[in-house]
Protein backbone atom coordinates (compact mmCIF):
# COMPACT_ATOMS: atom_id res chain seq x y z
CA MET A 1 6.79 14.76 -17.19
CA GLY A 2 9.44 16.52 -15.33
CA ARG A 3 9.94 17.09 -11.62
CA LYS A 4 8.80 20.91 -11.64
CA SER A 5 5.55 20.33 -13.53
CA SER A 6 4.69 17.41 -11.14
CA ILE A 7 5.41 19.58 -8.01
CA ASN A 8 3.24 22.36 -9.42
CA LYS A 9 0.22 20.16 -9.81
CA VAL A 10 0.28 19.36 -6.14
CA LYS A 11 0.02 22.28 -3.81
CA ARG A 12 2.54 22.45 -0.85
CA SER A 13 -0.09 22.33 1.77
CA ASN A 14 -1.42 19.96 4.31
CA VAL A 15 -4.41 19.43 1.99
CA ALA A 16 -2.22 17.68 -0.60
CA SER A 17 -0.62 15.48 1.89
CA LYS A 18 -4.07 14.45 3.22
CA ASN A 19 -5.29 13.91 -0.28
CA ILE A 20 -2.45 11.38 -0.95
CA GLU A 21 -3.09 9.69 2.36
CA ALA A 22 -6.66 9.16 1.70
CA CYS A 23 -6.06 7.90 -1.77
CA LEU A 24 -3.30 5.61 -0.31
CA ILE A 25 -5.75 4.42 2.52
CA MET A 26 -8.55 3.44 -0.11
CA SER A 27 -5.66 1.64 -2.27
CA LEU A 28 -4.46 -0.40 0.69
CA TYR A 29 -7.93 -1.21 1.73
CA GLU A 30 -8.80 -2.44 -1.81
CA LYS A 31 -5.62 -4.69 -1.53
CA GLY A 32 -6.92 -6.36 1.69
CA HIS A 33 -4.83 -4.39 4.35
CA SER A 34 -6.44 -4.12 7.66
CA PRO A 35 -6.36 -2.26 9.95
CA ILE A 36 -5.13 0.90 8.33
CA THR A 37 -4.66 4.26 9.92
CA SER A 38 -2.98 7.54 9.59
CA HIS A 39 -0.80 9.37 11.99
CA PHE A 40 -0.09 6.49 14.03
CA SER A 41 2.24 6.50 17.06
CA GLY A 42 2.56 3.92 19.77
CA HIS A 43 3.77 0.43 20.65
CA GLY A 44 7.32 1.76 20.34
CA MET A 45 6.93 3.33 16.90
CA GLY A 46 7.40 6.94 16.00
CA GLU A 47 4.61 8.60 14.20
CA CYS A 48 3.76 7.11 10.77
CA ASP A 49 1.97 9.06 8.15
CA VAL A 50 0.00 5.78 7.10
CA LEU A 51 0.30 2.38 8.71
CA SER A 52 -1.31 -0.82 7.61
CA ILE A 53 -1.31 -4.45 8.40
CA SER A 54 -1.30 -6.88 5.54
CA LYS A 55 -3.23 -10.24 5.34
CA SER A 56 -0.15 -12.04 6.72
CA ASP A 57 0.27 -9.51 9.70
CA PHE A 58 3.16 -7.68 8.34
CA ILE A 59 3.55 -3.84 9.06
CA TYR A 60 3.81 -1.43 6.31
CA GLU A 61 4.60 2.14 6.91
CA TYR A 62 4.18 4.98 4.31
CA GLU A 63 5.76 8.34 4.67
CA VAL A 64 3.87 10.79 2.55
CA LYS A 65 6.20 13.66 1.11
CA ILE A 66 4.97 16.57 -0.96
CA SER A 67 8.17 18.65 -1.21
CA ARG A 68 11.88 17.70 -1.64
CA ALA A 69 12.69 19.66 1.62
CA ASP A 70 10.20 17.48 3.58
CA PHE A 71 11.76 14.50 1.92
CA LYS A 72 15.25 15.44 3.02
CA LYS A 73 14.28 16.46 6.63
CA ASP A 74 12.66 13.05 7.17
CA PHE A 75 16.14 11.52 7.56
CA LYS A 76 16.56 13.46 10.86
CA LYS A 77 13.85 11.07 12.48
CA ASP A 78 14.97 8.21 14.81
CA LYS A 79 13.30 5.46 12.63
CA HIS A 80 16.05 5.90 10.01
CA ARG A 81 18.92 5.61 12.54
CA LEU A 82 17.09 2.29 14.01
CA ILE A 83 16.84 0.72 10.79
CA THR A 84 20.42 1.40 9.78
CA GLU A 85 21.55 0.22 13.32
CA LYS A 86 19.29 -2.93 12.94
CA LYS A 87 17.38 -2.13 15.97
CA PHE A 88 13.74 -3.24 14.98
CA THR A 89 12.15 -4.32 18.19
CA ILE A 90 12.92 -4.37 21.98
CA ASP A 91 11.39 -6.97 24.36
CA ARG A 92 9.24 -5.67 27.23
CA LYS A 93 7.64 -7.97 30.04
CA ILE A 94 3.99 -7.57 30.69
CA THR A 95 1.68 -9.41 33.19
CA GLU A 96 -1.44 -10.95 32.11
CA ASN A 97 -3.53 -12.92 34.47
CA ASN A 98 -0.53 -13.27 36.72
CA ILE A 99 1.51 -14.71 33.95
CA ILE A 100 4.73 -12.72 32.68
CA ILE A 101 4.55 -12.46 28.84
CA THR A 102 7.43 -11.14 26.74
CA ASP A 103 5.84 -8.75 24.12
CA PRO A 104 8.11 -6.97 21.52
CA LEU A 105 7.70 -3.41 21.09
CA ILE A 106 8.02 -2.75 17.49
CA LEU A 107 10.19 0.02 16.60
CA VAL A 108 10.09 0.10 12.88
CA ALA A 109 7.72 -1.46 10.21
CA ASN A 110 8.48 -4.66 8.07
CA TYR A 111 8.21 -2.56 4.97
CA PHE A 112 8.82 1.09 4.57
CA TYR A 113 7.74 3.23 1.66
CA PHE A 114 8.00 6.91 0.66
CA VAL A 115 4.97 8.17 -1.23
CA THR A 116 5.36 11.23 -3.32
CA PRO A 117 3.81 12.90 -6.35
CA THR A 118 5.07 11.70 -9.55
CA ASN A 119 8.84 12.32 -10.12
CA LEU A 120 9.24 14.38 -6.87
CA VAL A 121 12.26 12.16 -5.78
CA THR A 122 14.02 9.31 -7.73
CA ALA A 123 14.50 5.84 -6.87
CA ASP A 124 18.21 6.54 -6.44
CA GLU A 125 17.65 9.09 -3.57
CA VAL A 126 15.83 6.46 -1.56
CA PRO A 127 17.87 4.51 0.97
CA THR A 128 18.31 0.88 0.25
CA TYR A 129 15.78 -0.04 3.10
CA ALA A 130 12.98 1.98 1.64
CA GLY A 131 10.57 1.70 -1.18
CA LEU A 132 9.17 4.43 -3.40
CA MET A 133 5.71 4.95 -4.78
CA TYR A 134 4.46 7.76 -7.00
CA MET A 135 0.86 8.97 -6.81
CA ASN A 136 -0.29 10.54 -10.14
CA GLU A 137 -2.85 13.17 -10.92
CA LYS A 138 -5.61 10.57 -11.25
CA GLY A 139 -4.95 9.15 -7.53
CA LEU A 140 -3.43 6.09 -8.82
CA PHE A 141 -0.07 4.59 -7.34
CA GLU A 142 2.89 3.03 -9.08
CA VAL A 143 5.64 1.36 -7.17
CA ILE A 144 8.74 2.74 -8.50
CA LYS A 145 11.14 0.73 -6.04
CA LYS A 146 9.83 -2.25 -4.12
CA ALA A 147 10.47 -2.01 -0.50
CA PRO A 148 12.81 -4.73 1.06
CA PHE A 149 11.81 -6.81 3.88
CA ILE A 150 13.32 -5.13 7.03
CA HIS A 151 12.67 -7.73 9.92
CA LYS A 152 10.44 -10.71 10.44
CA THR A 153 8.58 -9.65 13.69
CA LYS A 154 4.93 -9.67 12.77
CA ALA A 155 2.26 -7.46 14.24
CA THR A 156 1.29 -8.92 17.62
CA SER A 157 -2.21 -8.93 19.04
CA SER A 158 -1.25 -6.13 21.48
CA PHE A 159 0.06 -4.15 18.75
CA ILE A 160 -3.14 -4.45 16.54
CA ARG A 161 -5.17 -3.69 19.75
CA THR A 162 -3.00 -0.47 20.15
CA LEU A 163 -3.84 0.32 16.41
CA SER A 164 -7.57 -0.47 16.96
CA HIS A 165 -7.71 1.78 20.13
CA GLN A 166 -6.33 4.75 18.08
CA LEU A 167 -8.78 4.15 15.26
CA THR A 168 -11.60 3.97 17.81
CA CYS A 169 -10.50 7.21 19.48
CA LYS A 170 -10.38 8.74 16.02
CA LEU A 171 -13.84 7.64 15.30
CA VAL A 172 -15.50 8.50 18.80
CA PHE A 173 -13.66 11.52 19.93
CA ASN A 174 -12.22 12.71 16.44
CA LYS A 175 -8.68 12.88 18.00
CA VAL A 176 -5.88 10.41 18.75
CA MET A 177 -5.50 9.45 22.54
């Protein structure tokens, strides 16, 4: 199937993006990733379309793209600059029970994927630090290019707490706080 026929099957609207996000979240849940959220920002990271924590506490970020223009525009975001400059975390000092603790602010995920409709972009167009997944018409995902390991800092308890707080706010207040 060519690029154009694939693009025509997915309408260029926020609904198409939400559909891919919903299918991706369910797929990640079935693979044991938890917690999982959409539109996360916090703890040093810029906004992520979908973010998940693996069983081994590695952070996976997924950028959903439904048009080539959106894919190309994504490279203006700071996260791509931070990855290429190898600035993955920054240390911050926090006080807990009168004890100073160094807690890393995680700036980029351990693994980064672009998720698109089938054949929207090719593996050659994806940077070396990113992976590529296609979602087909049946809502199934295929890894076209495996994302490489970017850095070794795992999700900390404060990162997971921040993620959980945002999930709770979405559930209780129907918005991110």
